[in-house]
Amino acid sequence: MESQAKGKHNGEVWNKVYKSDNAFFGQDASNFALLCFNHMKMNNVRRILELGAGHGRDTTLFASNGIEVEAVDYSNVAIQILDKITKEKKLPITPRIFDVRRALPFPDSYFDAVYSHMFLNMRFSLDELHFLFSEKRRVLKQKGFNFFSVRNHNDKSYGEGVQIDKGIYDINGFQIRFFTEKEIQDLLEGFEMLWMGEENEEPVNLYIVFSKKI
């Protein structure tokens, strides 16, 4: 019940955000998406799963360049916005409302890559994160790519607001997890770390991770 409550809280928060601003993160693709897309091109990636797609600023970059995208988010408002964009631009995107605390609704070895940008910073427990990473590994093809970015302890907002769990803070109604390097390493069981760097995407500080299914 606690997980359902957290999922409901997050969904309601993001529904409110997207209702007030249907391009909350801007229209342009993130720098992280551009980095990942270049890697995807070099490795002939054709089908990806995007977790926490939001209103689709990164999704549309991938799809506009011929990559099929299964885009999931637990905000029904965000998915409605993305569905409208998908139909207007006739892009190869399948948007769906889904809570990733459940088993992913895709067959084994289905995707060339899984992508998420700041999504893992939502209020997931460490057990839920480990389950999600095991599911990512399941749906990836052999040697498939796992790209993700997360806010870290060097973020200027780290430690602000009210601490509601270890590493998780409520900041103006947003429940945010900040990651350590060790936590990322622990999540990557069954993956090979290809590259990990640090990037500032104003106003946040991120670890950006490229990994591959072993």
N, C-alpha and C. Protein backbone atom coordinates (compact mmCIF):
# COMPACT_ATOMS: atom_id res chain seq x y z
N MET A 1 0.83 -1.21 0.00
CA MET A 1 0.00 0.00 0.00
C MET A 1 0.86 1.26 0.00
N GLU A 2 2.04 1.18 0.70
CA GLU A 2 2.92 2.36 0.73
C GLU A 2 3.38 2.71 -0.67
N SER A 3 3.77 1.70 -1.48
CA SER A 3 4.22 1.97 -2.84
C SER A 3 3.12 2.59 -3.66
N GLN A 4 1.89 2.07 -3.51
CA GLN A 4 0.76 2.62 -4.26
C GLN A 4 0.54 4.08 -3.87
N ALA A 5 0.65 4.36 -2.57
CA ALA A 5 0.45 5.74 -2.11
C ALA A 5 1.50 6.66 -2.69
N LYS A 6 2.77 6.20 -2.71
CA LYS A 6 3.83 7.03 -3.27
C LYS A 6 3.60 7.25 -4.76
N GLY A 7 3.18 6.19 -5.46
CA GLY A 7 2.92 6.33 -6.89
C GLY A 7 1.80 7.30 -7.16
N LYS A 8 0.74 7.21 -6.33
CA LYS A 8 -0.39 8.13 -6.48
C LYS A 8 0.07 9.56 -6.23
N HIS A 9 0.88 9.74 -5.18
CA HIS A 9 1.36 11.10 -4.85
C HIS A 9 2.16 11.67 -6.02
N ASN A 10 3.11 10.89 -6.53
CA ASN A 10 3.94 11.37 -7.63
C ASN A 10 3.11 11.67 -8.87
N GLY A 11 2.14 10.76 -9.17
CA GLY A 11 1.29 10.98 -10.33
C GLY A 11 0.49 12.26 -10.20
N GLU A 12 -0.05 12.51 -9.02
CA GLU A 12 -0.86 13.72 -8.80
C GLU A 12 0.00 14.98 -8.92
N VAL A 13 1.20 14.92 -8.35
CA VAL A 13 2.11 16.07 -8.44
C VAL A 13 2.41 16.40 -9.89
N TRP A 14 2.78 15.38 -10.68
CA TRP A 14 3.16 15.64 -12.07
C TRP A 14 1.97 15.97 -12.95
N ASN A 15 0.79 15.43 -12.64
CA ASN A 15 -0.41 15.84 -13.36
C ASN A 15 -0.64 17.34 -13.18
N LYS A 16 -0.47 17.80 -11.96
CA LYS A 16 -0.65 19.23 -11.66
C LYS A 16 0.38 20.07 -12.42
N VAL A 17 1.63 19.59 -12.44
CA VAL A 17 2.71 20.30 -13.14
C VAL A 17 2.39 20.43 -14.63
N TYR A 18 2.03 19.32 -15.26
CA TYR A 18 1.80 19.34 -16.71
C TYR A 18 0.51 20.05 -17.09
N LYS A 19 -0.46 20.09 -16.18
CA LYS A 19 -1.68 20.86 -16.45
C LYS A 19 -1.37 22.36 -16.47
N SER A 20 -0.44 22.77 -15.60
CA SER A 20 -0.12 24.20 -15.53
C SER A 20 0.89 24.61 -16.60
N ASP A 21 1.72 23.65 -17.06
CA ASP A 21 2.74 23.96 -18.07
C ASP A 21 3.02 22.69 -18.86
N ASN A 22 2.44 22.58 -20.07
CA ASN A 22 2.57 21.33 -20.82
C ASN A 22 3.94 21.14 -21.48
N ALA A 23 4.86 22.08 -21.22
CA ALA A 23 6.25 21.90 -21.65
C ALA A 23 7.17 22.29 -20.49
N PHE A 24 6.90 21.67 -19.33
CA PHE A 24 7.55 22.07 -18.08
C PHE A 24 9.08 22.06 -18.18
N PHE A 25 9.64 21.08 -18.88
CA PHE A 25 11.10 20.97 -19.00
C PHE A 25 11.63 21.64 -20.27
N GLY A 26 10.76 22.33 -20.99
CA GLY A 26 11.18 22.97 -22.23
C GLY A 26 10.90 22.08 -23.44
N GLN A 27 11.04 22.64 -24.60
CA GLN A 27 10.74 21.92 -25.84
C GLN A 27 11.96 21.21 -26.42
N ASP A 28 13.15 21.71 -26.11
CA ASP A 28 14.36 21.15 -26.70
C ASP A 28 14.80 19.90 -25.96
N ALA A 29 15.38 18.96 -26.70
CA ALA A 29 15.91 17.75 -26.09
C ALA A 29 17.03 18.09 -25.11
N SER A 30 17.17 17.27 -24.09
CA SER A 30 18.23 17.47 -23.10
C SER A 30 19.61 17.16 -23.70
N ASN A 31 20.64 17.72 -23.10
CA ASN A 31 22.01 17.39 -23.51
C ASN A 31 22.28 15.90 -23.36
N PHE A 32 21.72 15.31 -22.30
CA PHE A 32 21.91 13.88 -22.07
C PHE A 32 21.31 13.06 -23.21
N ALA A 33 20.11 13.45 -23.67
CA ALA A 33 19.49 12.74 -24.79
C ALA A 33 20.34 12.83 -26.05
N LEU A 34 20.93 13.98 -26.29
CA LEU A 34 21.79 14.15 -27.47
C LEU A 34 23.01 13.25 -27.39
N LEU A 35 23.62 13.16 -26.21
CA LEU A 35 24.76 12.26 -26.01
C LEU A 35 24.36 10.81 -26.27
N CYS A 36 23.23 10.41 -25.70
CA CYS A 36 22.76 9.03 -25.87
C CYS A 36 22.39 8.74 -27.31
N PHE A 37 21.76 9.70 -27.97
CA PHE A 37 21.36 9.50 -29.36
C PHE A 37 22.58 9.26 -30.25
N ASN A 38 23.65 10.01 -30.03
CA ASN A 38 24.87 9.78 -30.81
C ASN A 38 25.39 8.37 -30.61
N HIS A 39 25.33 7.88 -29.38
CA HIS A 39 25.77 6.52 -29.09
C HIS A 39 24.82 5.51 -29.74
N MET A 40 23.53 5.80 -29.73
CA MET A 40 22.55 4.92 -30.37
C MET A 40 22.80 4.81 -31.86
N LYS A 41 23.08 5.95 -32.49
CA LYS A 41 23.35 5.94 -33.95
C LYS A 41 24.54 5.06 -34.28
N MET A 42 25.60 5.19 -33.50
CA MET A 42 26.81 4.43 -33.75
C MET A 42 26.62 2.93 -33.55
N ASN A 43 25.61 2.56 -32.79
CA ASN A 43 25.39 1.15 -32.45
C ASN A 43 24.10 0.58 -33.02
N ASN A 44 23.53 1.28 -34.01
CA ASN A 44 22.38 0.77 -34.76
C ASN A 44 21.18 0.43 -33.87
N VAL A 45 20.92 1.28 -32.89
CA VAL A 45 19.77 1.09 -32.01
C VAL A 45 18.50 1.44 -32.77
N ARG A 46 17.53 0.50 -32.73
CA ARG A 46 16.29 0.68 -33.49
C ARG A 46 15.04 0.81 -32.62
N ARG A 47 15.08 0.20 -31.43
CA ARG A 47 13.88 0.21 -30.58
C ARG A 47 14.31 0.46 -29.14
N ILE A 48 13.70 1.47 -28.50
CA ILE A 48 14.06 1.78 -27.12
C ILE A 48 12.82 1.89 -26.23
N LEU A 49 13.07 1.73 -24.94
CA LEU A 49 12.07 1.99 -23.91
C LEU A 49 12.51 3.23 -23.16
N GLU A 50 11.64 4.22 -23.08
CA GLU A 50 11.93 5.41 -22.29
C GLU A 50 11.06 5.40 -21.04
N LEU A 51 11.70 5.44 -19.88
CA LEU A 51 11.01 5.46 -18.60
C LEU A 51 10.89 6.90 -18.11
N GLY A 52 9.69 7.30 -17.73
CA GLY A 52 9.47 8.68 -17.29
C GLY A 52 9.60 9.66 -18.44
N ALA A 53 8.88 9.37 -19.51
CA ALA A 53 9.02 10.17 -20.75
C ALA A 53 8.47 11.59 -20.60
N GLY A 54 7.57 11.81 -19.64
CA GLY A 54 6.99 13.14 -19.48
C GLY A 54 6.29 13.60 -20.75
N HIS A 55 6.44 14.87 -21.10
CA HIS A 55 5.77 15.40 -22.29
C HIS A 55 6.56 15.13 -23.57
N GLY A 56 7.70 14.43 -23.46
CA GLY A 56 8.33 13.89 -24.66
C GLY A 56 9.42 14.72 -25.31
N ARG A 57 10.06 15.62 -24.59
CA ARG A 57 11.09 16.44 -25.24
C ARG A 57 12.25 15.58 -25.75
N ASP A 58 12.61 14.49 -25.03
CA ASP A 58 13.66 13.59 -25.51
C ASP A 58 13.08 12.52 -26.43
N THR A 59 11.88 12.08 -26.12
CA THR A 59 11.20 11.06 -26.91
C THR A 59 11.13 11.46 -28.38
N THR A 60 10.75 12.70 -28.62
CA THR A 60 10.57 13.16 -30.00
C THR A 60 11.90 13.27 -30.75
N LEU A 61 12.99 13.55 -30.02
CA LEU A 61 14.31 13.53 -30.67
C LEU A 61 14.60 12.15 -31.22
N PHE A 62 14.43 11.12 -30.40
CA PHE A 62 14.71 9.76 -30.84
C PHE A 62 13.80 9.35 -31.99
N ALA A 63 12.50 9.59 -31.81
CA ALA A 63 11.52 9.14 -32.81
C ALA A 63 11.65 9.89 -34.12
N SER A 64 12.01 11.17 -34.07
CA SER A 64 12.18 11.96 -35.30
C SER A 64 13.35 11.46 -36.14
N ASN A 65 14.20 10.67 -35.51
CA ASN A 65 15.35 10.11 -36.22
C ASN A 65 15.22 8.61 -36.46
N GLY A 66 13.96 8.15 -36.49
CA GLY A 66 13.68 6.79 -36.94
C GLY A 66 13.75 5.71 -35.88
N ILE A 67 13.93 6.07 -34.62
CA ILE A 67 13.96 5.07 -33.55
C ILE A 67 12.55 4.86 -33.01
N GLU A 68 12.13 3.61 -32.90
CA GLU A 68 10.83 3.29 -32.30
C GLU A 68 10.95 3.44 -30.79
N VAL A 69 9.97 4.15 -30.19
CA VAL A 69 10.04 4.42 -28.75
C VAL A 69 8.76 3.96 -28.06
N GLU A 70 8.92 3.07 -27.07
CA GLU A 70 7.85 2.79 -26.12
C GLU A 70 8.08 3.75 -24.96
N ALA A 71 7.15 4.67 -24.75
CA ALA A 71 7.34 5.76 -23.78
C ALA A 71 6.35 5.60 -22.64
N VAL A 72 6.86 5.40 -21.42
CA VAL A 72 5.97 5.21 -20.28
C VAL A 72 6.15 6.33 -19.26
N ASP A 73 5.05 6.64 -18.59
CA ASP A 73 5.07 7.64 -17.52
C ASP A 73 3.83 7.39 -16.67
N TYR A 74 3.88 7.73 -15.37
CA TYR A 74 2.68 7.54 -14.57
C TYR A 74 1.84 8.79 -14.44
N SER A 75 2.15 9.82 -15.18
CA SER A 75 1.27 10.99 -15.27
C SER A 75 0.39 10.85 -16.51
N ASN A 76 -0.90 10.68 -16.29
CA ASN A 76 -1.80 10.54 -17.44
C ASN A 76 -1.86 11.83 -18.25
N VAL A 77 -1.65 12.99 -17.60
CA VAL A 77 -1.67 14.26 -18.33
C VAL A 77 -0.47 14.33 -19.27
N ALA A 78 0.72 13.93 -18.79
CA ALA A 78 1.91 13.93 -19.64
C ALA A 78 1.73 13.01 -20.83
N ILE A 79 1.16 11.83 -20.59
CA ILE A 79 0.97 10.87 -21.68
C ILE A 79 -0.05 11.39 -22.70
N GLN A 80 -1.07 12.11 -22.24
CA GLN A 80 -2.02 12.72 -23.17
C GLN A 80 -1.33 13.75 -24.06
N ILE A 81 -0.45 14.55 -23.48
CA ILE A 81 0.31 15.55 -24.25
C ILE A 81 1.18 14.84 -25.28
N LEU A 82 1.90 13.79 -24.85
CA LEU A 82 2.79 13.07 -25.76
C LEU A 82 2.01 12.35 -26.85
N ASP A 83 0.86 11.81 -26.51
CA ASP A 83 0.03 11.12 -27.50
C ASP A 83 -0.43 12.09 -28.58
N LYS A 84 -0.78 13.31 -28.18
CA LYS A 84 -1.20 14.34 -29.14
C LYS A 84 -0.05 14.69 -30.08
N ILE A 85 1.15 14.87 -29.53
CA ILE A 85 2.33 15.17 -30.35
C ILE A 85 2.62 14.03 -31.31
N THR A 86 2.54 12.80 -30.79
CA THR A 86 2.80 11.61 -31.60
C THR A 86 1.89 11.56 -32.83
N LYS A 87 0.61 11.83 -32.61
CA LYS A 87 -0.36 11.76 -33.71
C LYS A 87 -0.18 12.93 -34.68
N GLU A 88 0.07 14.12 -34.15
CA GLU A 88 0.24 15.29 -35.02
C GLU A 88 1.47 15.15 -35.92
N LYS A 89 2.56 14.62 -35.36
CA LYS A 89 3.81 14.52 -36.11
C LYS A 89 4.01 13.15 -36.75
N LYS A 90 3.07 12.23 -36.47
CA LYS A 90 3.13 10.86 -37.03
C LYS A 90 4.47 10.20 -36.73
N LEU A 91 4.80 10.19 -35.45
CA LEU A 91 6.07 9.64 -35.00
C LEU A 91 5.92 8.20 -34.50
N PRO A 92 6.99 7.40 -34.58
CA PRO A 92 6.93 6.00 -34.11
C PRO A 92 7.07 5.89 -32.59
N ILE A 93 6.10 6.48 -31.88
CA ILE A 93 6.08 6.48 -30.42
C ILE A 93 4.80 5.78 -29.95
N THR A 94 4.94 4.92 -28.96
CA THR A 94 3.77 4.33 -28.30
C THR A 94 3.76 4.81 -26.86
N PRO A 95 2.95 5.84 -26.55
CA PRO A 95 2.90 6.35 -25.17
C PRO A 95 1.95 5.48 -24.33
N ARG A 96 2.32 5.25 -23.07
CA ARG A 96 1.40 4.52 -22.20
C ARG A 96 1.60 4.94 -20.74
N ILE A 97 0.48 4.96 -20.01
CA ILE A 97 0.51 5.23 -18.58
C ILE A 97 0.92 3.94 -17.88
N PHE A 98 1.95 4.03 -17.05
CA PHE A 98 2.40 2.81 -16.38
C PHE A 98 3.24 3.17 -15.16
N ASP A 99 3.07 2.39 -14.09
CA ASP A 99 3.87 2.55 -12.87
C ASP A 99 4.94 1.47 -12.88
N VAL A 100 6.20 1.87 -12.96
CA VAL A 100 7.30 0.92 -13.14
C VAL A 100 7.63 0.14 -11.87
N ARG A 101 6.86 0.33 -10.81
CA ARG A 101 7.03 -0.54 -9.65
C ARG A 101 6.48 -1.94 -9.94
N ARG A 102 5.72 -2.05 -11.00
CA ARG A 102 5.23 -3.36 -11.45
C ARG A 102 6.16 -3.89 -12.53
N ALA A 103 6.02 -5.18 -12.85
CA ALA A 103 6.82 -5.79 -13.92
C ALA A 103 6.52 -5.08 -15.23
N LEU A 104 7.56 -4.79 -15.99
CA LEU A 104 7.39 -4.08 -17.26
C LEU A 104 6.57 -4.93 -18.24
N PRO A 105 5.63 -4.31 -18.95
CA PRO A 105 4.70 -5.06 -19.81
C PRO A 105 5.28 -5.35 -21.21
N PHE A 106 6.50 -5.88 -21.23
CA PHE A 106 7.19 -6.16 -22.49
C PHE A 106 7.88 -7.51 -22.39
N PRO A 107 8.06 -8.17 -23.54
CA PRO A 107 8.70 -9.50 -23.51
C PRO A 107 10.20 -9.40 -23.23
N ASP A 108 10.78 -10.54 -22.91
CA ASP A 108 12.23 -10.62 -22.70
C ASP A 108 12.98 -10.22 -23.96
N SER A 109 14.13 -9.61 -23.78
CA SER A 109 15.07 -9.31 -24.88
C SER A 109 14.41 -8.56 -26.03
N TYR A 110 13.62 -7.54 -25.70
CA TYR A 110 12.81 -6.84 -26.69
C TYR A 110 13.44 -5.54 -27.18
N PHE A 111 14.20 -4.86 -26.32
CA PHE A 111 14.70 -3.52 -26.65
C PHE A 111 16.21 -3.51 -26.89
N ASP A 112 16.61 -2.60 -27.77
CA ASP A 112 18.04 -2.35 -27.98
C ASP A 112 18.61 -1.46 -26.88
N ALA A 113 17.76 -0.63 -26.26
CA ALA A 113 18.22 0.27 -25.21
C ALA A 113 17.05 0.67 -24.31
N VAL A 114 17.37 0.97 -23.05
CA VAL A 114 16.44 1.59 -22.12
C VAL A 114 17.03 2.93 -21.71
N TYR A 115 16.19 3.96 -21.69
CA TYR A 115 16.65 5.33 -21.45
C TYR A 115 15.79 5.99 -20.40
N SER A 116 16.42 6.72 -19.49
CA SER A 116 15.65 7.59 -18.58
C SER A 116 16.52 8.77 -18.17
N HIS A 117 15.89 9.93 -18.10
CA HIS A 117 16.57 11.17 -17.74
C HIS A 117 15.94 11.75 -16.48
N MET A 118 16.64 11.62 -15.35
CA MET A 118 16.21 12.12 -14.04
C MET A 118 14.98 11.40 -13.48
N PHE A 119 14.50 10.38 -14.16
CA PHE A 119 13.30 9.68 -13.69
C PHE A 119 13.55 8.92 -12.39
N LEU A 120 14.73 8.33 -12.25
CA LEU A 120 15.02 7.50 -11.08
C LEU A 120 15.11 8.32 -9.80
N ASN A 121 15.08 9.65 -9.93
CA ASN A 121 15.10 10.52 -8.75
C ASN A 121 13.74 10.64 -8.08
N MET A 122 12.71 10.02 -8.66
CA MET A 122 11.43 10.01 -7.99
C MET A 122 11.53 9.20 -6.69
N ARG A 123 10.48 9.19 -5.90
CA ARG A 123 10.56 8.52 -4.59
C ARG A 123 10.41 7.01 -4.73
N PHE A 124 11.45 6.37 -5.21
CA PHE A 124 11.53 4.92 -5.23
C PHE A 124 12.36 4.46 -4.03
N SER A 125 11.97 3.34 -3.43
CA SER A 125 12.83 2.74 -2.41
C SER A 125 13.98 2.03 -3.13
N LEU A 126 15.03 1.70 -2.40
CA LEU A 126 16.15 0.98 -3.01
C LEU A 126 15.71 -0.39 -3.50
N ASP A 127 14.79 -1.04 -2.78
CA ASP A 127 14.27 -2.34 -3.24
C ASP A 127 13.53 -2.18 -4.57
N GLU A 128 12.74 -1.12 -4.68
CA GLU A 128 12.02 -0.87 -5.94
C GLU A 128 12.98 -0.58 -7.08
N LEU A 129 14.04 0.15 -6.79
CA LEU A 129 15.04 0.44 -7.83
C LEU A 129 15.75 -0.84 -8.28
N HIS A 130 16.11 -1.69 -7.35
CA HIS A 130 16.76 -2.95 -7.72
C HIS A 130 15.83 -3.81 -8.57
N PHE A 131 14.55 -3.83 -8.22
CA PHE A 131 13.58 -4.57 -9.03
C PHE A 131 13.48 -3.98 -10.43
N LEU A 132 13.43 -2.65 -10.51
CA LEU A 132 13.33 -2.00 -11.82
C LEU A 132 14.55 -2.32 -12.68
N PHE A 133 15.74 -2.30 -12.10
CA PHE A 133 16.94 -2.61 -12.86
C PHE A 133 16.95 -4.07 -13.33
N SER A 134 16.41 -4.96 -12.52
CA SER A 134 16.31 -6.36 -12.96
C SER A 134 15.33 -6.49 -14.13
N GLU A 135 14.26 -5.68 -14.10
CA GLU A 135 13.30 -5.67 -15.20
C GLU A 135 13.92 -5.04 -16.46
N LYS A 136 14.70 -3.98 -16.28
CA LYS A 136 15.38 -3.39 -17.44
C LYS A 136 16.29 -4.42 -18.09
N ARG A 137 17.00 -5.15 -17.27
CA ARG A 137 17.90 -6.17 -17.80
C ARG A 137 17.12 -7.25 -18.55
N ARG A 138 15.97 -7.62 -18.00
CA ARG A 138 15.15 -8.66 -18.64
C ARG A 138 14.69 -8.25 -20.03
N VAL A 139 14.20 -7.01 -20.18
CA VAL A 139 13.61 -6.60 -21.46
C VAL A 139 14.66 -6.17 -22.48
N LEU A 140 15.93 -6.03 -22.05
CA LEU A 140 16.99 -5.66 -22.99
C LEU A 140 17.52 -6.87 -23.73
N LYS A 141 17.88 -6.65 -24.98
CA LYS A 141 18.58 -7.68 -25.74
C LYS A 141 19.98 -7.88 -25.14
N GLN A 142 20.61 -9.00 -25.48
CA GLN A 142 21.99 -9.21 -25.05
C GLN A 142 22.85 -8.05 -25.55
N LYS A 143 23.64 -7.48 -24.67
CA LYS A 143 24.49 -6.33 -24.94
C LYS A 143 23.69 -5.05 -25.23
N GLY A 144 22.40 -5.06 -24.81
CA GLY A 144 21.58 -3.85 -24.95
C GLY A 144 22.03 -2.78 -23.97
N PHE A 145 21.73 -1.53 -24.29
CA PHE A 145 22.24 -0.39 -23.54
C PHE A 145 21.24 0.09 -22.48
N ASN A 146 21.78 0.51 -21.34
CA ASN A 146 21.01 1.06 -20.24
C ASN A 146 21.56 2.45 -19.96
N PHE A 147 20.86 3.48 -20.48
CA PHE A 147 21.28 4.88 -20.31
C PHE A 147 20.41 5.54 -19.24
N PHE A 148 21.03 6.18 -18.25
CA PHE A 148 20.21 6.91 -17.28
C PHE A 148 21.02 8.04 -16.65
N SER A 149 20.29 9.06 -16.19
CA SER A 149 20.88 10.18 -15.45
C SER A 149 20.15 10.33 -14.13
N VAL A 150 20.88 10.72 -13.10
CA VAL A 150 20.28 10.92 -11.77
C VAL A 150 20.93 12.10 -11.08
N ARG A 151 20.17 12.78 -10.25
CA ARG A 151 20.73 13.85 -9.44
C ARG A 151 21.59 13.24 -8.33
N ASN A 152 22.66 13.96 -7.95
CA ASN A 152 23.61 13.38 -7.01
C ASN A 152 23.86 14.30 -5.80
N HIS A 153 24.78 13.86 -4.95
CA HIS A 153 25.02 14.60 -3.70
C HIS A 153 25.74 15.93 -3.92
N ASN A 154 26.22 16.20 -5.12
CA ASN A 154 26.82 17.50 -5.43
C ASN A 154 25.79 18.51 -5.93
N ASP A 155 24.56 18.06 -6.07
CA ASP A 155 23.47 18.95 -6.48
C ASP A 155 23.25 20.02 -5.40
N LYS A 156 23.07 21.25 -5.83
CA LYS A 156 22.96 22.34 -4.84
C LYS A 156 21.70 22.24 -3.98
N SER A 157 20.72 21.44 -4.42
CA SER A 157 19.51 21.26 -3.62
C SER A 157 19.62 20.10 -2.63
N TYR A 158 20.72 19.34 -2.72
CA TYR A 158 20.87 18.19 -1.82
C TYR A 158 20.89 18.66 -0.36
N GLY A 159 20.06 18.03 0.46
CA GLY A 159 19.99 18.39 1.88
C GLY A 159 18.97 19.48 2.18
N GLU A 160 18.38 20.09 1.15
CA GLU A 160 17.35 21.10 1.39
C GLU A 160 16.00 20.43 1.65
N GLY A 161 15.05 21.21 2.07
CA GLY A 161 13.72 20.68 2.32
C GLY A 161 13.69 19.78 3.53
N VAL A 162 12.77 18.81 3.52
CA VAL A 162 12.57 17.90 4.65
C VAL A 162 13.00 16.50 4.24
N GLN A 163 13.91 15.90 5.01
CA GLN A 163 14.32 14.53 4.70
C GLN A 163 13.21 13.58 5.11
N ILE A 164 12.73 12.78 4.13
CA ILE A 164 11.63 11.86 4.41
C ILE A 164 12.09 10.41 4.39
N ASP A 165 13.30 10.18 3.93
CA ASP A 165 13.91 8.86 3.94
C ASP A 165 15.39 9.07 3.65
N LYS A 166 16.20 8.04 3.83
CA LYS A 166 17.63 8.21 3.59
C LYS A 166 17.87 8.60 2.13
N GLY A 167 18.47 9.76 1.93
CA GLY A 167 18.78 10.23 0.58
C GLY A 167 17.62 10.86 -0.16
N ILE A 168 16.43 10.91 0.47
CA ILE A 168 15.23 11.44 -0.19
C ILE A 168 14.73 12.67 0.58
N TYR A 169 14.49 13.75 -0.15
CA TYR A 169 14.06 15.01 0.46
C TYR A 169 12.81 15.53 -0.23
N ASP A 170 11.90 16.06 0.57
CA ASP A 170 10.73 16.76 0.03
C ASP A 170 11.11 18.22 -0.12
N ILE A 171 11.20 18.66 -1.38
CA ILE A 171 11.58 20.03 -1.68
C ILE A 171 10.43 20.68 -2.46
N ASN A 172 9.70 21.55 -1.79
CA ASN A 172 8.55 22.24 -2.41
C ASN A 172 7.54 21.27 -3.01
N GLY A 173 7.31 20.16 -2.31
CA GLY A 173 6.31 19.21 -2.76
C GLY A 173 6.82 18.13 -3.69
N PHE A 174 8.07 18.23 -4.13
CA PHE A 174 8.68 17.20 -4.97
C PHE A 174 9.55 16.31 -4.09
N GLN A 175 9.31 15.01 -4.14
CA GLN A 175 10.08 14.05 -3.34
C GLN A 175 11.21 13.51 -4.21
N ILE A 176 12.44 13.87 -3.85
CA ILE A 176 13.58 13.66 -4.73
C ILE A 176 14.64 12.81 -4.05
N ARG A 177 15.10 11.76 -4.75
CA ARG A 177 16.23 10.96 -4.27
C ARG A 177 17.50 11.48 -4.91
N PHE A 178 18.54 11.64 -4.09
CA PHE A 178 19.87 12.04 -4.56
C PHE A 178 20.80 10.84 -4.41
N PHE A 179 21.53 10.50 -5.46
CA PHE A 179 22.31 9.26 -5.51
C PHE A 179 23.78 9.47 -5.18
N THR A 180 24.36 8.43 -4.55
CA THR A 180 25.80 8.34 -4.40
C THR A 180 26.35 7.45 -5.51
N GLU A 181 27.65 7.53 -5.74
CA GLU A 181 28.28 6.65 -6.72
C GLU A 181 28.09 5.19 -6.35
N LYS A 182 28.21 4.88 -5.07
CA LYS A 182 28.08 3.49 -4.63
C LYS A 182 26.68 2.95 -4.91
N GLU A 183 25.67 3.78 -4.68
CA GLU A 183 24.30 3.32 -4.95
C GLU A 183 24.13 2.98 -6.43
N ILE A 184 24.73 3.76 -7.31
CA ILE A 184 24.65 3.48 -8.74
C ILE A 184 25.38 2.18 -9.07
N GLN A 185 26.58 2.01 -8.51
CA GLN A 185 27.34 0.78 -8.74
C GLN A 185 26.54 -0.44 -8.27
N ASP A 186 25.89 -0.33 -7.12
CA ASP A 186 25.12 -1.45 -6.59
C ASP A 186 23.93 -1.81 -7.48
N LEU A 187 23.35 -0.81 -8.15
CA LEU A 187 22.20 -1.07 -9.02
C LEU A 187 22.58 -1.78 -10.31
N LEU A 188 23.86 -1.71 -10.67
CA LEU A 188 24.29 -2.18 -11.99
C LEU A 188 24.70 -3.66 -12.02
N GLU A 189 24.17 -4.44 -11.10
CA GLU A 189 24.42 -5.88 -11.15
C GLU A 189 23.85 -6.45 -12.46
N GLY A 190 24.68 -7.19 -13.19
CA GLY A 190 24.25 -7.72 -14.49
C GLY A 190 24.49 -6.78 -15.65
N PHE A 191 25.08 -5.61 -15.35
CA PHE A 191 25.43 -4.64 -16.38
C PHE A 191 26.92 -4.34 -16.33
N GLU A 192 27.47 -4.00 -17.47
CA GLU A 192 28.84 -3.50 -17.54
C GLU A 192 28.79 -1.98 -17.61
N MET A 193 29.52 -1.33 -16.72
CA MET A 193 29.61 0.13 -16.76
C MET A 193 30.50 0.53 -17.94
N LEU A 194 29.95 1.27 -18.88
CA LEU A 194 30.73 1.74 -20.03
C LEU A 194 31.36 3.10 -19.74
N TRP A 195 30.58 3.95 -19.08
CA TRP A 195 31.06 5.31 -18.82
C TRP A 195 30.13 5.97 -17.80
N MET A 196 30.75 6.73 -16.91
CA MET A 196 29.96 7.51 -15.95
C MET A 196 30.62 8.87 -15.80
N GLY A 197 29.83 9.91 -15.95
CA GLY A 197 30.35 11.26 -15.84
C GLY A 197 29.43 12.12 -15.01
N GLU A 198 29.83 13.36 -14.84
CA GLU A 198 29.04 14.31 -14.07
C GLU A 198 28.74 15.51 -14.96
N GLU A 199 27.51 15.97 -14.90
CA GLU A 199 27.10 17.09 -15.76
C GLU A 199 26.17 18.01 -14.99
N ASN A 200 26.32 19.29 -15.21
CA ASN A 200 25.41 20.27 -14.64
C ASN A 200 24.39 20.66 -15.69
N GLU A 201 23.13 20.37 -15.41
CA GLU A 201 22.03 20.82 -16.28
C GLU A 201 21.20 21.77 -15.43
N GLU A 202 21.55 23.03 -15.50
CA GLU A 202 20.99 24.05 -14.61
C GLU A 202 19.49 23.86 -14.42
N PRO A 203 18.99 23.73 -13.16
CA PRO A 203 19.72 24.00 -11.92
C PRO A 203 20.21 22.74 -11.21
N VAL A 204 20.32 21.59 -11.89
CA VAL A 204 20.62 20.33 -11.21
C VAL A 204 22.01 19.81 -11.59
N ASN A 205 22.55 18.96 -10.70
CA ASN A 205 23.83 18.31 -10.97
C ASN A 205 23.59 16.81 -11.09
N LEU A 206 24.11 16.22 -12.15
CA LEU A 206 23.75 14.86 -12.51
C LEU A 206 24.96 13.94 -12.62
N TYR A 207 24.72 12.66 -12.28
CA TYR A 207 25.56 11.59 -12.78
C TYR A 207 24.88 11.10 -14.06
N ILE A 208 25.67 10.94 -15.12
CA ILE A 208 25.13 10.37 -16.36
C ILE A 208 25.86 9.06 -16.62
N VAL A 209 25.08 8.02 -16.90
CA VAL A 209 25.61 6.66 -16.92
C VAL A 209 25.28 5.95 -18.23
N PHE A 210 26.30 5.40 -18.86
CA PHE A 210 26.14 4.51 -20.00
C PHE A 210 26.56 3.13 -19.52
N SER A 211 25.65 2.15 -19.65
CA SER A 211 25.98 0.79 -19.25
C SER A 211 25.39 -0.18 -20.28
N LYS A 212 25.80 -1.43 -20.16
CA LYS A 212 25.41 -2.43 -21.16
C LYS A 212 25.09 -3.75 -20.46
N LYS A 213 24.05 -4.41 -20.92
CA LYS A 213 23.69 -5.72 -20.36
C LYS A 213 24.78 -6.73 -20.65
N ILE A 214 25.18 -7.44 -19.61
CA ILE A 214 26.22 -8.47 -19.78
C ILE A 214 25.58 -9.76 -20.32
